[in-house]
């Protein structure tokens, strides 16, 4: 997706995101934060959105969140203040293709329902790996395209509307698995229909 399409799409979604898409994606958000809590330490959430996942992080972790959409971030900041989420260190507007953090900064980097909406997912994965500490974890939750079946047919039909919907319905999983420094250590389907998939990758020590 083009950056301007992302901006306009999420400006539309921001006021209703929690009550719509946020409900659908709850399982992935809950699972990814549970794993991040088990790892502990410093967490970077790339594509923090309206901050729906922020309350699920344990007090023992420190969370930094970034998002391209300032409209989404305004809602995330309000959530942090209203719920007194003291484990959230910082929320910043940032392009995930060029993260403004030093190498090896975070124990865990989390991207939930993000990687199929960014303009250059391969570059985003490289950046996530760069800022992750050696031996650290990259946690990705996303919808990935199927090769066959009736759901695959729907994915192909909705594909031309990606810029309007704000996500790609037929995004191939291979596009997140090409970083040499990362090895896939876990893959898990999160719902009965397998609509969303959890991937856990480890950066070489």
N, C-alpha and C. Protein backbone atom coordinates (compact mmCIF):
# COMPACT_ATOMS: atom_id res chain seq x y z
N UNK A 1 0.82 -1.19 0.00
CA UNK A 1 0.00 0.00 0.00
C UNK A 1 0.86 1.25 0.00
N UNK A 2 0.36 2.32 -0.62
CA UNK A 2 1.06 3.59 -0.64
C UNK A 2 0.85 4.32 0.69
N UNK A 3 1.87 5.11 1.14
CA UNK A 3 1.74 5.82 2.41
C UNK A 3 0.49 6.69 2.49
N UNK A 4 0.15 7.38 1.40
CA UNK A 4 -1.03 8.24 1.42
C UNK A 4 -2.32 7.43 1.56
N UNK A 5 -2.32 6.21 1.01
CA UNK A 5 -3.49 5.34 1.16
C UNK A 5 -3.63 4.89 2.61
N UNK A 6 -2.49 4.60 3.25
CA UNK A 6 -2.52 4.19 4.66
C UNK A 6 -3.07 5.33 5.52
N UNK A 7 -2.58 6.54 5.28
CA UNK A 7 -3.01 7.68 6.07
C UNK A 7 -4.50 7.91 5.96
N UNK A 8 -5.02 7.91 4.73
CA UNK A 8 -6.45 8.16 4.52
C UNK A 8 -7.30 7.01 5.05
N UNK A 9 -6.83 5.77 4.87
CA UNK A 9 -7.58 4.62 5.33
C UNK A 9 -7.72 4.61 6.84
N UNK A 10 -6.62 4.83 7.54
CA UNK A 10 -6.67 4.77 9.00
C UNK A 10 -7.26 6.02 9.63
N UNK A 11 -7.32 7.10 8.89
CA UNK A 11 -8.07 8.27 9.36
C UNK A 11 -9.56 7.92 9.39
N UNK A 12 -10.01 7.14 8.39
CA UNK A 12 -11.40 6.68 8.38
C UNK A 12 -11.67 5.67 9.48
N UNK A 13 -10.70 4.76 9.69
CA UNK A 13 -10.90 3.66 10.63
C UNK A 13 -10.76 4.09 12.09
N UNK A 14 -9.94 5.11 12.38
CA UNK A 14 -9.59 5.43 13.76
C UNK A 14 -10.80 5.55 14.70
N UNK A 15 -11.88 6.27 14.33
CA UNK A 15 -12.98 6.44 15.28
C UNK A 15 -13.74 5.15 15.59
N UNK A 16 -13.71 4.17 14.68
CA UNK A 16 -14.51 2.96 14.87
C UNK A 16 -13.67 1.69 14.94
N UNK A 17 -12.35 1.85 14.93
CA UNK A 17 -11.46 0.69 14.85
C UNK A 17 -11.65 -0.28 16.01
N UNK A 18 -11.70 0.24 17.24
CA UNK A 18 -11.80 -0.63 18.42
C UNK A 18 -13.06 -1.48 18.38
N UNK A 19 -14.17 -0.89 17.92
CA UNK A 19 -15.45 -1.59 17.95
C UNK A 19 -15.67 -2.51 16.76
N UNK A 20 -14.82 -2.41 15.74
CA UNK A 20 -15.02 -3.23 14.53
C UNK A 20 -13.86 -4.20 14.36
N UNK A 21 -12.83 -3.77 13.66
CA UNK A 21 -11.69 -4.63 13.40
C UNK A 21 -11.01 -5.06 14.70
N UNK A 22 -11.05 -4.19 15.70
CA UNK A 22 -10.46 -4.53 16.99
C UNK A 22 -11.06 -5.77 17.61
N UNK A 23 -12.37 -5.96 17.46
CA UNK A 23 -13.03 -7.15 18.00
C UNK A 23 -12.57 -8.41 17.27
N UNK A 24 -12.43 -8.31 15.96
CA UNK A 24 -12.06 -9.47 15.15
C UNK A 24 -10.65 -9.94 15.47
N UNK A 25 -9.77 -9.01 15.82
CA UNK A 25 -8.36 -9.32 15.99
C UNK A 25 -7.96 -9.58 17.44
N UNK A 26 -8.93 -9.74 18.32
CA UNK A 26 -8.63 -9.88 19.75
C UNK A 26 -7.76 -11.10 20.04
N UNK A 27 -8.05 -12.23 19.42
CA UNK A 27 -7.31 -13.47 19.72
C UNK A 27 -5.82 -13.31 19.45
N UNK A 28 -5.47 -12.70 18.33
CA UNK A 28 -4.07 -12.51 18.00
C UNK A 28 -3.37 -11.56 18.95
N UNK A 29 -4.07 -10.51 19.34
CA UNK A 29 -3.51 -9.53 20.26
C UNK A 29 -3.25 -10.17 21.63
N UNK A 30 -4.19 -10.95 22.10
CA UNK A 30 -4.07 -11.60 23.40
C UNK A 30 -2.91 -12.60 23.40
N UNK A 31 -2.79 -13.39 22.33
CA UNK A 31 -1.74 -14.40 22.27
C UNK A 31 -0.35 -13.78 22.17
N UNK A 32 -0.20 -12.79 21.32
CA UNK A 32 1.12 -12.17 21.13
C UNK A 32 1.61 -11.49 22.40
N UNK A 33 0.72 -10.78 23.10
CA UNK A 33 1.14 -10.11 24.33
C UNK A 33 1.44 -11.13 25.42
N UNK A 34 0.74 -12.25 25.43
CA UNK A 34 1.04 -13.29 26.41
C UNK A 34 2.46 -13.82 26.22
N UNK A 35 2.85 -14.04 24.97
CA UNK A 35 4.21 -14.51 24.68
C UNK A 35 5.23 -13.43 25.04
N UNK A 36 4.94 -12.19 24.68
CA UNK A 36 5.86 -11.09 25.01
C UNK A 36 6.05 -10.96 26.52
N UNK A 37 4.99 -11.16 27.28
CA UNK A 37 5.08 -11.08 28.74
C UNK A 37 5.97 -12.19 29.30
N UNK A 38 5.90 -13.36 28.69
CA UNK A 38 6.73 -14.48 29.13
C UNK A 38 8.21 -14.19 28.88
N UNK A 39 8.50 -13.50 27.79
CA UNK A 39 9.89 -13.15 27.46
C UNK A 39 10.39 -12.04 28.39
N UNK A 40 9.55 -11.01 28.61
CA UNK A 40 9.90 -9.91 29.48
C UNK A 40 10.84 -8.91 28.82
N UNK A 41 11.29 -7.92 29.59
CA UNK A 41 12.23 -6.93 29.09
C UNK A 41 11.57 -5.81 28.31
N UNK A 42 12.31 -5.27 27.34
CA UNK A 42 11.85 -4.13 26.54
C UNK A 42 11.15 -4.62 25.28
N UNK A 43 9.95 -4.11 25.05
CA UNK A 43 9.12 -4.51 23.91
C UNK A 43 8.89 -3.31 23.01
N UNK A 44 9.04 -3.51 21.71
CA UNK A 44 8.63 -2.53 20.72
C UNK A 44 7.43 -3.07 19.98
N UNK A 45 6.31 -2.34 20.03
CA UNK A 45 5.16 -2.71 19.23
C UNK A 45 5.11 -1.81 18.00
N UNK A 46 5.31 -2.41 16.85
CA UNK A 46 5.30 -1.69 15.57
C UNK A 46 3.88 -1.72 15.03
N UNK A 47 3.31 -0.53 14.80
CA UNK A 47 1.91 -0.47 14.40
C UNK A 47 1.00 -0.61 15.60
N UNK A 48 1.23 0.21 16.61
CA UNK A 48 0.48 0.11 17.86
C UNK A 48 -0.97 0.53 17.69
N UNK A 49 -1.27 1.29 16.64
CA UNK A 49 -2.65 1.67 16.35
C UNK A 49 -3.28 2.48 17.46
N UNK A 50 -4.51 2.11 17.84
CA UNK A 50 -5.24 2.81 18.90
C UNK A 50 -4.85 2.31 20.28
N UNK A 51 -3.86 1.42 20.35
CA UNK A 51 -3.37 0.95 21.64
C UNK A 51 -4.18 -0.18 22.24
N UNK A 52 -4.89 -0.92 21.41
CA UNK A 52 -5.74 -1.99 21.93
C UNK A 52 -4.96 -3.05 22.71
N UNK A 53 -3.72 -3.31 22.32
CA UNK A 53 -2.94 -4.35 23.00
C UNK A 53 -2.27 -3.85 24.27
N UNK A 54 -2.15 -2.55 24.44
CA UNK A 54 -1.34 -2.01 25.54
C UNK A 54 -1.78 -2.48 26.93
N UNK A 55 -3.08 -2.60 27.22
CA UNK A 55 -3.46 -3.06 28.56
C UNK A 55 -3.10 -4.52 28.84
N UNK A 56 -2.79 -5.30 27.79
CA UNK A 56 -2.51 -6.72 27.98
C UNK A 56 -1.05 -7.00 28.34
N UNK A 57 -0.19 -6.02 28.19
CA UNK A 57 1.20 -6.23 28.57
C UNK A 57 1.32 -6.21 30.09
N UNK A 58 2.16 -7.07 30.62
CA UNK A 58 2.34 -7.16 32.07
C UNK A 58 3.13 -5.96 32.58
N UNK A 59 2.92 -5.60 33.85
CA UNK A 59 3.67 -4.47 34.43
C UNK A 59 5.18 -4.67 34.39
N UNK A 60 5.63 -5.90 34.29
CA UNK A 60 7.07 -6.16 34.31
C UNK A 60 7.79 -5.89 33.01
N UNK A 61 7.05 -5.63 31.93
CA UNK A 61 7.69 -5.29 30.66
C UNK A 61 7.59 -3.79 30.43
N UNK A 62 8.47 -3.28 29.59
CA UNK A 62 8.44 -1.87 29.22
C UNK A 62 8.12 -1.78 27.74
N UNK A 63 7.08 -1.05 27.40
CA UNK A 63 6.57 -1.04 26.03
C UNK A 63 6.79 0.32 25.37
N UNK A 64 7.35 0.28 24.17
CA UNK A 64 7.42 1.44 23.29
C UNK A 64 6.55 1.12 22.08
N UNK A 65 5.71 2.06 21.67
CA UNK A 65 4.84 1.83 20.52
C UNK A 65 5.06 2.88 19.46
N UNK A 66 5.02 2.45 18.20
CA UNK A 66 5.11 3.40 17.09
C UNK A 66 3.98 3.13 16.10
N UNK A 67 3.58 4.16 15.39
CA UNK A 67 2.55 4.01 14.36
C UNK A 67 2.72 5.13 13.34
N UNK A 68 2.33 4.85 12.11
CA UNK A 68 2.41 5.84 11.04
C UNK A 68 1.27 6.85 11.14
N UNK A 69 0.15 6.42 11.74
CA UNK A 69 -1.05 7.25 11.79
C UNK A 69 -1.14 8.04 13.09
N UNK A 70 -1.09 9.35 12.97
CA UNK A 70 -1.23 10.21 14.15
C UNK A 70 -2.65 10.13 14.72
N UNK A 71 -3.64 9.90 13.85
CA UNK A 71 -5.03 9.75 14.33
C UNK A 71 -5.16 8.55 15.25
N UNK A 72 -4.52 7.45 14.89
CA UNK A 72 -4.53 6.26 15.75
C UNK A 72 -3.78 6.53 17.05
N UNK A 73 -2.63 7.17 16.96
CA UNK A 73 -1.80 7.42 18.14
C UNK A 73 -2.51 8.31 19.15
N UNK A 74 -3.29 9.26 18.70
CA UNK A 74 -4.02 10.12 19.63
C UNK A 74 -4.93 9.28 20.52
N UNK A 75 -5.55 8.28 19.95
CA UNK A 75 -6.43 7.39 20.72
C UNK A 75 -5.62 6.48 21.64
N UNK A 76 -4.46 6.05 21.18
CA UNK A 76 -3.60 5.22 22.02
C UNK A 76 -3.12 6.00 23.24
N UNK A 77 -2.71 7.25 23.03
CA UNK A 77 -2.24 8.07 24.15
C UNK A 77 -3.36 8.32 25.16
N UNK A 78 -4.57 8.53 24.67
CA UNK A 78 -5.71 8.72 25.57
C UNK A 78 -5.95 7.46 26.40
N UNK A 79 -5.79 6.30 25.77
CA UNK A 79 -5.98 5.03 26.47
C UNK A 79 -4.93 4.85 27.57
N UNK A 80 -3.69 5.19 27.27
CA UNK A 80 -2.62 5.09 28.26
C UNK A 80 -2.92 5.97 29.47
N UNK A 81 -3.39 7.19 29.21
CA UNK A 81 -3.69 8.11 30.30
C UNK A 81 -4.90 7.66 31.11
N UNK A 82 -5.95 7.25 30.42
CA UNK A 82 -7.19 6.85 31.10
C UNK A 82 -7.00 5.61 31.96
N UNK A 83 -6.19 4.66 31.47
CA UNK A 83 -6.02 3.39 32.18
C UNK A 83 -4.75 3.34 33.00
N UNK A 84 -4.02 4.46 33.04
CA UNK A 84 -2.80 4.57 33.84
C UNK A 84 -1.84 3.43 33.53
N UNK A 85 -1.53 3.28 32.26
CA UNK A 85 -0.66 2.19 31.81
C UNK A 85 0.80 2.61 31.96
N UNK A 86 1.31 2.47 33.16
CA UNK A 86 2.65 2.98 33.48
C UNK A 86 3.77 2.17 32.84
N UNK A 87 3.46 0.98 32.33
CA UNK A 87 4.48 0.18 31.65
C UNK A 87 4.74 0.67 30.23
N UNK A 88 3.92 1.58 29.73
CA UNK A 88 4.13 2.14 28.38
C UNK A 88 5.09 3.31 28.50
N UNK A 89 6.26 3.15 27.91
CA UNK A 89 7.31 4.17 28.01
C UNK A 89 7.06 5.33 27.07
N UNK A 90 6.66 5.02 25.83
CA UNK A 90 6.59 6.07 24.81
C UNK A 90 5.75 5.60 23.64
N UNK A 91 5.01 6.53 23.05
CA UNK A 91 4.26 6.29 21.82
C UNK A 91 4.68 7.37 20.82
N UNK A 92 5.19 6.94 19.67
CA UNK A 92 5.76 7.89 18.71
C UNK A 92 5.24 7.65 17.30
N UNK A 93 5.06 8.75 16.56
CA UNK A 93 4.74 8.65 15.15
C UNK A 93 6.03 8.32 14.40
N UNK A 94 5.98 7.28 13.56
CA UNK A 94 7.20 6.82 12.91
C UNK A 94 6.84 5.93 11.72
N UNK A 95 7.70 5.95 10.74
CA UNK A 95 7.59 5.08 9.58
C UNK A 95 8.30 3.76 9.89
N UNK A 96 7.58 2.66 9.84
CA UNK A 96 8.17 1.36 10.19
C UNK A 96 9.28 0.94 9.24
N UNK A 97 9.36 1.58 8.08
CA UNK A 97 10.43 1.26 7.13
C UNK A 97 11.77 1.86 7.54
N UNK A 98 11.73 2.81 8.50
CA UNK A 98 12.95 3.45 8.95
C UNK A 98 12.80 3.76 10.44
N UNK A 99 12.98 2.74 11.26
CA UNK A 99 12.79 2.89 12.69
C UNK A 99 13.90 3.75 13.29
N UNK A 100 13.50 4.70 14.11
CA UNK A 100 14.45 5.66 14.68
C UNK A 100 14.99 5.16 16.03
N UNK A 101 15.51 3.94 16.02
CA UNK A 101 16.10 3.34 17.21
C UNK A 101 17.45 2.73 16.84
N UNK A 102 18.38 2.67 17.79
CA UNK A 102 19.67 2.04 17.50
C UNK A 102 19.52 0.54 17.29
N UNK A 103 20.52 -0.06 16.70
CA UNK A 103 20.56 -1.51 16.56
C UNK A 103 20.45 -2.18 17.93
N UNK A 104 19.82 -3.36 17.95
CA UNK A 104 19.81 -4.22 19.14
C UNK A 104 19.22 -3.53 20.37
N UNK A 105 18.08 -2.87 20.20
CA UNK A 105 17.49 -2.07 21.28
C UNK A 105 16.45 -2.82 22.11
N UNK A 106 15.78 -3.82 21.52
CA UNK A 106 14.61 -4.41 22.18
C UNK A 106 14.74 -5.93 22.31
N UNK A 107 14.21 -6.45 23.42
CA UNK A 107 14.18 -7.90 23.63
C UNK A 107 13.15 -8.57 22.73
N UNK A 108 12.04 -7.88 22.49
CA UNK A 108 10.96 -8.40 21.65
C UNK A 108 10.41 -7.30 20.77
N UNK A 109 10.15 -7.63 19.52
CA UNK A 109 9.50 -6.70 18.60
C UNK A 109 8.22 -7.37 18.12
N UNK A 110 7.10 -6.66 18.29
CA UNK A 110 5.79 -7.22 17.99
C UNK A 110 5.14 -6.42 16.85
N UNK A 111 4.57 -7.14 15.90
CA UNK A 111 3.82 -6.50 14.81
C UNK A 111 2.52 -7.27 14.61
N UNK A 112 1.42 -6.68 15.02
CA UNK A 112 0.12 -7.35 14.95
C UNK A 112 -0.75 -6.69 13.88
N UNK A 113 -1.12 -7.46 12.86
CA UNK A 113 -2.01 -6.99 11.81
C UNK A 113 -1.45 -5.74 11.12
N UNK A 114 -0.15 -5.76 10.94
CA UNK A 114 0.55 -4.61 10.34
C UNK A 114 1.22 -4.95 9.02
N UNK A 115 1.87 -6.10 8.97
CA UNK A 115 2.85 -6.36 7.90
C UNK A 115 2.22 -6.40 6.51
N UNK A 116 0.92 -6.64 6.43
CA UNK A 116 0.28 -6.67 5.11
C UNK A 116 -0.28 -5.32 4.69
N UNK A 117 -0.07 -4.28 5.50
CA UNK A 117 -0.59 -2.96 5.13
C UNK A 117 0.52 -1.95 4.86
N UNK A 118 1.76 -2.30 5.18
CA UNK A 118 2.86 -1.37 4.96
C UNK A 118 3.31 -1.41 3.49
N UNK A 119 3.87 -0.30 2.98
CA UNK A 119 4.26 -0.24 1.56
C UNK A 119 5.38 -1.21 1.19
N UNK A 120 6.28 -1.52 2.12
CA UNK A 120 7.44 -2.36 1.83
C UNK A 120 7.66 -3.34 2.98
N UNK A 121 6.88 -4.42 3.03
CA UNK A 121 6.97 -5.34 4.17
C UNK A 121 8.34 -5.95 4.38
N UNK A 122 9.07 -6.21 3.30
CA UNK A 122 10.41 -6.77 3.43
C UNK A 122 11.34 -5.81 4.18
N UNK A 123 11.26 -4.53 3.86
CA UNK A 123 12.07 -3.53 4.55
C UNK A 123 11.67 -3.40 6.02
N UNK A 124 10.38 -3.47 6.28
CA UNK A 124 9.90 -3.40 7.66
C UNK A 124 10.44 -4.58 8.47
N UNK A 125 10.43 -5.77 7.89
CA UNK A 125 10.97 -6.93 8.59
C UNK A 125 12.47 -6.77 8.86
N UNK A 126 13.21 -6.21 7.90
CA UNK A 126 14.63 -5.96 8.11
C UNK A 126 14.85 -4.97 9.27
N UNK A 127 14.03 -3.93 9.32
CA UNK A 127 14.15 -2.95 10.39
C UNK A 127 13.79 -3.55 11.75
N UNK A 128 12.76 -4.37 11.78
CA UNK A 128 12.39 -5.02 13.03
C UNK A 128 13.52 -5.92 13.52
N UNK A 129 14.15 -6.64 12.59
CA UNK A 129 15.27 -7.50 12.97
C UNK A 129 16.46 -6.68 13.44
N UNK A 130 16.69 -5.54 12.80
CA UNK A 130 17.83 -4.69 13.16
C UNK A 130 17.73 -4.20 14.60
N UNK A 131 16.54 -3.76 15.02
CA UNK A 131 16.40 -3.17 16.36
C UNK A 131 16.18 -4.22 17.44
N UNK A 132 16.01 -5.48 17.04
CA UNK A 132 15.85 -6.57 18.00
C UNK A 132 17.23 -7.03 18.48
N UNK A 133 17.35 -7.33 19.76
CA UNK A 133 18.62 -7.79 20.31
C UNK A 133 18.96 -9.19 19.80
N UNK A 134 20.21 -9.54 19.68
CA UNK A 134 20.60 -10.92 19.34
C UNK A 134 19.98 -11.90 20.34
N UNK A 135 19.37 -12.95 19.82
CA UNK A 135 18.66 -13.90 20.66
C UNK A 135 17.25 -13.46 21.01
N UNK A 136 16.86 -12.26 20.57
CA UNK A 136 15.53 -11.74 20.84
C UNK A 136 14.48 -12.32 19.91
N UNK A 137 13.22 -11.93 20.14
CA UNK A 137 12.09 -12.52 19.43
C UNK A 137 11.36 -11.48 18.59
N UNK A 138 10.94 -11.90 17.41
CA UNK A 138 10.04 -11.12 16.56
C UNK A 138 8.70 -11.86 16.54
N UNK A 139 7.63 -11.20 16.97
CA UNK A 139 6.30 -11.81 17.02
C UNK A 139 5.41 -11.12 15.99
N UNK A 140 4.89 -11.90 15.07
CA UNK A 140 4.04 -11.36 14.00
C UNK A 140 2.69 -12.06 14.04
N UNK A 141 1.63 -11.28 14.04
CA UNK A 141 0.27 -11.80 13.86
C UNK A 141 -0.29 -11.16 12.61
N UNK A 142 -0.81 -12.00 11.71
CA UNK A 142 -1.32 -11.45 10.46
C UNK A 142 -2.23 -12.46 9.78
N UNK A 143 -2.99 -11.94 8.82
CA UNK A 143 -3.73 -12.81 7.91
C UNK A 143 -2.86 -13.07 6.69
N UNK A 144 -2.70 -14.34 6.35
CA UNK A 144 -1.90 -14.69 5.18
C UNK A 144 -2.77 -15.43 4.17
N UNK A 145 -2.44 -15.25 2.90
CA UNK A 145 -3.24 -15.81 1.81
C UNK A 145 -3.23 -17.34 1.83
N UNK A 146 -4.35 -17.91 1.46
CA UNK A 146 -4.45 -19.35 1.28
C UNK A 146 -4.26 -19.71 -0.18
N UNK A 147 -3.86 -20.94 -0.42
CA UNK A 147 -3.63 -21.39 -1.79
C UNK A 147 -4.89 -21.97 -2.43
N UNK A 148 -5.81 -22.44 -1.59
CA UNK A 148 -7.00 -23.11 -2.14
C UNK A 148 -8.17 -22.97 -1.17
N UNK A 149 -9.37 -23.34 -1.66
CA UNK A 149 -10.57 -23.29 -0.83
C UNK A 149 -11.38 -22.03 -1.07
N UNK A 150 -12.57 -22.02 -0.45
CA UNK A 150 -13.48 -20.89 -0.67
C UNK A 150 -12.96 -19.60 -0.06
N UNK A 151 -12.20 -19.68 1.04
CA UNK A 151 -11.63 -18.48 1.61
C UNK A 151 -10.56 -17.86 0.70
N UNK A 152 -9.83 -18.72 0.01
CA UNK A 152 -8.84 -18.23 -0.95
C UNK A 152 -9.52 -17.46 -2.08
N UNK A 153 -10.68 -17.93 -2.48
CA UNK A 153 -11.46 -17.25 -3.53
C UNK A 153 -11.88 -15.86 -3.07
N UNK A 154 -12.37 -15.74 -1.82
CA UNK A 154 -12.74 -14.44 -1.27
C UNK A 154 -11.54 -13.50 -1.18
N UNK A 155 -10.40 -14.05 -0.77
CA UNK A 155 -9.18 -13.24 -0.65
C UNK A 155 -8.81 -12.61 -1.98
N UNK A 156 -8.90 -13.39 -3.04
CA UNK A 156 -8.57 -12.86 -4.36
C UNK A 156 -9.58 -11.80 -4.81
N UNK A 157 -10.84 -11.99 -4.48
CA UNK A 157 -11.87 -11.04 -4.87
C UNK A 157 -11.71 -9.69 -4.18
N UNK A 158 -11.28 -9.71 -2.91
CA UNK A 158 -11.14 -8.47 -2.16
C UNK A 158 -9.80 -7.78 -2.41
N UNK A 159 -8.85 -8.46 -3.02
CA UNK A 159 -7.50 -7.93 -3.20
C UNK A 159 -7.46 -6.55 -3.87
N UNK A 160 -8.28 -6.27 -4.91
CA UNK A 160 -8.20 -4.95 -5.56
C UNK A 160 -8.60 -3.78 -4.66
N UNK A 161 -9.24 -4.07 -3.51
CA UNK A 161 -9.73 -3.00 -2.65
C UNK A 161 -8.80 -2.72 -1.47
N UNK A 162 -7.55 -3.16 -1.57
CA UNK A 162 -6.61 -3.06 -0.45
C UNK A 162 -6.44 -1.62 0.04
N UNK A 163 -6.27 -0.66 -0.89
CA UNK A 163 -6.02 0.71 -0.48
C UNK A 163 -7.21 1.31 0.28
N UNK A 164 -8.43 0.90 -0.09
CA UNK A 164 -9.61 1.42 0.60
C UNK A 164 -9.83 0.73 1.94
N UNK A 165 -9.68 -0.60 1.97
CA UNK A 165 -9.91 -1.36 3.19
C UNK A 165 -8.83 -1.13 4.24
N UNK A 166 -7.61 -0.88 3.78
CA UNK A 166 -6.51 -0.68 4.70
C UNK A 166 -5.74 -1.95 4.99
N UNK A 167 -5.98 -3.03 4.24
CA UNK A 167 -5.21 -4.27 4.42
C UNK A 167 -5.31 -5.11 3.16
N UNK A 168 -4.32 -5.99 2.98
CA UNK A 168 -4.29 -6.90 1.83
C UNK A 168 -4.92 -8.23 2.21
N UNK A 169 -5.91 -8.64 1.46
CA UNK A 169 -6.59 -9.90 1.77
C UNK A 169 -5.81 -11.12 1.28
N UNK A 170 -4.89 -10.92 0.34
CA UNK A 170 -4.17 -12.07 -0.24
C UNK A 170 -2.66 -11.92 -0.08
N UNK A 171 -2.23 -11.55 1.11
CA UNK A 171 -0.82 -11.29 1.39
C UNK A 171 -0.09 -12.62 1.61
N UNK A 172 1.00 -12.90 0.87
CA UNK A 172 1.70 -14.18 1.00
C UNK A 172 2.65 -14.21 2.21
N UNK A 173 2.63 -15.30 2.93
CA UNK A 173 3.45 -15.45 4.14
C UNK A 173 4.94 -15.37 3.84
N UNK A 174 5.36 -15.79 2.66
CA UNK A 174 6.78 -15.80 2.31
C UNK A 174 7.43 -14.43 2.41
N UNK A 175 6.64 -13.38 2.32
CA UNK A 175 7.19 -12.03 2.33
C UNK A 175 7.72 -11.61 3.70
N UNK A 176 7.40 -12.37 4.74
CA UNK A 176 7.93 -12.04 6.07
C UNK A 176 9.01 -13.01 6.52
N UNK A 177 9.34 -13.98 5.69
CA UNK A 177 10.25 -15.04 6.12
C UNK A 177 11.61 -14.98 5.43
N UNK A 178 11.95 -13.84 4.83
CA UNK A 178 13.17 -13.79 4.04
C UNK A 178 14.36 -13.11 4.69
N UNK A 179 14.28 -12.81 6.00
CA UNK A 179 15.38 -12.12 6.68
C UNK A 179 16.39 -13.17 7.17
N UNK A 180 17.62 -13.07 6.70
CA UNK A 180 18.63 -14.09 7.03
C UNK A 180 18.89 -14.21 8.52
N UNK A 181 18.80 -13.10 9.25
CA UNK A 181 19.11 -13.11 10.69
C UNK A 181 18.02 -13.75 11.53
N UNK A 182 16.86 -14.02 10.92
CA UNK A 182 15.72 -14.56 11.67
C UNK A 182 15.42 -15.99 11.29
N UNK A 183 15.10 -16.80 12.29
CA UNK A 183 14.67 -18.18 12.05
C UNK A 183 13.28 -18.37 12.65
N UNK A 184 12.43 -19.05 11.92
CA UNK A 184 11.06 -19.31 12.37
C UNK A 184 11.08 -20.43 13.40
N UNK A 185 10.57 -20.16 14.60
CA UNK A 185 10.58 -21.16 15.66
C UNK A 185 9.18 -21.62 16.05
N UNK A 186 8.16 -20.87 15.64
CA UNK A 186 6.79 -21.28 15.95
C UNK A 186 5.81 -20.68 14.95
N UNK A 187 4.84 -21.48 14.55
CA UNK A 187 3.74 -21.01 13.70
C UNK A 187 2.45 -21.60 14.25
N UNK A 188 1.45 -20.75 14.47
CA UNK A 188 0.22 -21.19 15.13
C UNK A 188 -0.97 -20.47 14.52
N UNK A 189 -1.99 -21.24 14.12
CA UNK A 189 -3.25 -20.65 13.67
C UNK A 189 -4.11 -20.32 14.88
N UNK A 190 -4.69 -19.13 14.90
CA UNK A 190 -5.29 -18.61 16.13
C UNK A 190 -6.80 -18.74 16.22
N UNK A 191 -7.48 -19.01 15.14
CA UNK A 191 -8.94 -19.15 15.17
C UNK A 191 -9.35 -20.43 14.47
N UNK A 192 -10.61 -20.80 14.63
CA UNK A 192 -11.11 -22.04 14.04
C UNK A 192 -10.94 -22.05 12.52
N UNK A 193 -11.17 -20.92 11.91
CA UNK A 193 -11.02 -20.83 10.45
C UNK A 193 -9.58 -20.56 10.03
N UNK A 194 -8.70 -20.35 11.01
CA UNK A 194 -7.32 -20.03 10.67
C UNK A 194 -7.19 -18.69 9.99
N UNK A 195 -8.07 -17.75 10.36
CA UNK A 195 -8.07 -16.45 9.71
C UNK A 195 -6.78 -15.68 9.98
N UNK A 196 -6.24 -15.85 11.20
CA UNK A 196 -5.00 -15.17 11.56
C UNK A 196 -3.97 -16.18 12.02
N UNK A 197 -2.71 -15.87 11.75
CA UNK A 197 -1.59 -16.76 12.07
C UNK A 197 -0.58 -16.01 12.94
N UNK A 198 -0.07 -16.72 13.94
CA UNK A 198 0.98 -16.20 14.81
C UNK A 198 2.31 -16.82 14.39
N UNK A 199 3.31 -15.96 14.15
CA UNK A 199 4.65 -16.41 13.82
C UNK A 199 5.61 -15.88 14.87
N UNK A 200 6.45 -16.76 15.40
CA UNK A 200 7.50 -16.34 16.33
C UNK A 200 8.84 -16.64 15.71
N UNK A 201 9.64 -15.61 15.54
CA UNK A 201 10.97 -15.73 14.94
C UNK A 201 12.04 -15.31 15.94
N UNK A 202 13.19 -15.90 15.84
CA UNK A 202 14.29 -15.58 16.75
C UNK A 202 15.46 -15.02 15.96
N UNK A 203 16.05 -13.95 16.49
CA UNK A 203 17.23 -13.36 15.85
C UNK A 203 18.47 -14.12 16.29
N UNK A 204 19.35 -14.40 15.35
CA UNK A 204 20.57 -15.13 15.64
C UNK A 204 21.36 -14.43 16.75
N UNK A 205 21.84 -15.24 17.69
CA UNK A 205 22.59 -14.69 18.83
C UNK A 205 23.97 -14.24 18.39
